[in-house]
Amino acid sequence: MSSYRYVKKLPKAVVKDKYSNKSIKPLFRKFSLGFVGIGVFFLGNVFYPIISYEIKKLSFGTSFLRPSSLNSQTLGSANTLNYQDPKNWFLSAPDLVARPTRITHYTMSIPKLGIDKAIVQIGGRDLLEGLIQYPGTALPGQYGNSVIFGHSVLPQFFNPKNYKTIFSTLPRLKIGDEISVNFDGIVYAYEVVEMMETTPEDISILEQQYDAEYMSLITCVPPGTYLKRLIVKTKLVYER
């Protein structure tokens, strides 16, 4: 008779996986929350200035607001036009006759915004090189309306020395704030009298009013977009 011997099989050693689901899930959750937080941060940086501007716009007063409807041509061209050239800001604007002057540029200061002696080119074509006065509009100190264009981006990137961002905080101005220009050795001080928003189709801002000496500053709004135009209208209060 054959004999059999029973051999008890030893259990396999259980090795604890340091990368088990229990340890991975909390780590994955932390990464997910981190990415969500980063996304919210970047979205907030984009949308907060726009929302803030829309609230600020309520203080402009309805009597100064222009129609805000946008046609398909404006929206379609917003991504293709060269906005470094102020001629493209108001597509239907007429070519005004340039006023005779030997001066090609002057300086502007806006103390509230930290802008000091920014260059304003008369009839320039590149807003990355300076602020630009629309050709044919009144020169500083003259009766009429000096119209000045400046570039803007999201306000958190504002740098008063960088002409790509120089008008980014223009919406922060209020009625009564002062702007000064040095034109041909004479300092002209202007005071903000109106703030309004308009569309690229509205070229009335280029019209000349000869009852006083005005200066209008223009930039694109809402912040970071080219959809509309902010107009800050000022009036001469003194010169020295």
Foldseek 3Di string as FASTA:
>chain_A
DDDDDDDDDDDDDDDDDPCDPVVVVVVVVVVVVVVVVVVVVVVCLVCVLQVVLVVLQVVQDPVFEADQDDDPVLVVCQVPDDVQFVCVLQVPDDQAAADDDPDQWWFKDFVVLPADGWIEGECDGGQQRGKYWRGNADDPPAAWETEIEFADAQQVPADNVGRNHNCNCVSVDDFQGWMWIQDPNKIWIKTFHGKYKAFSNDPCNRGIDRPFYKYWYWYADDHHGSGIIIIGMIGTDDMD
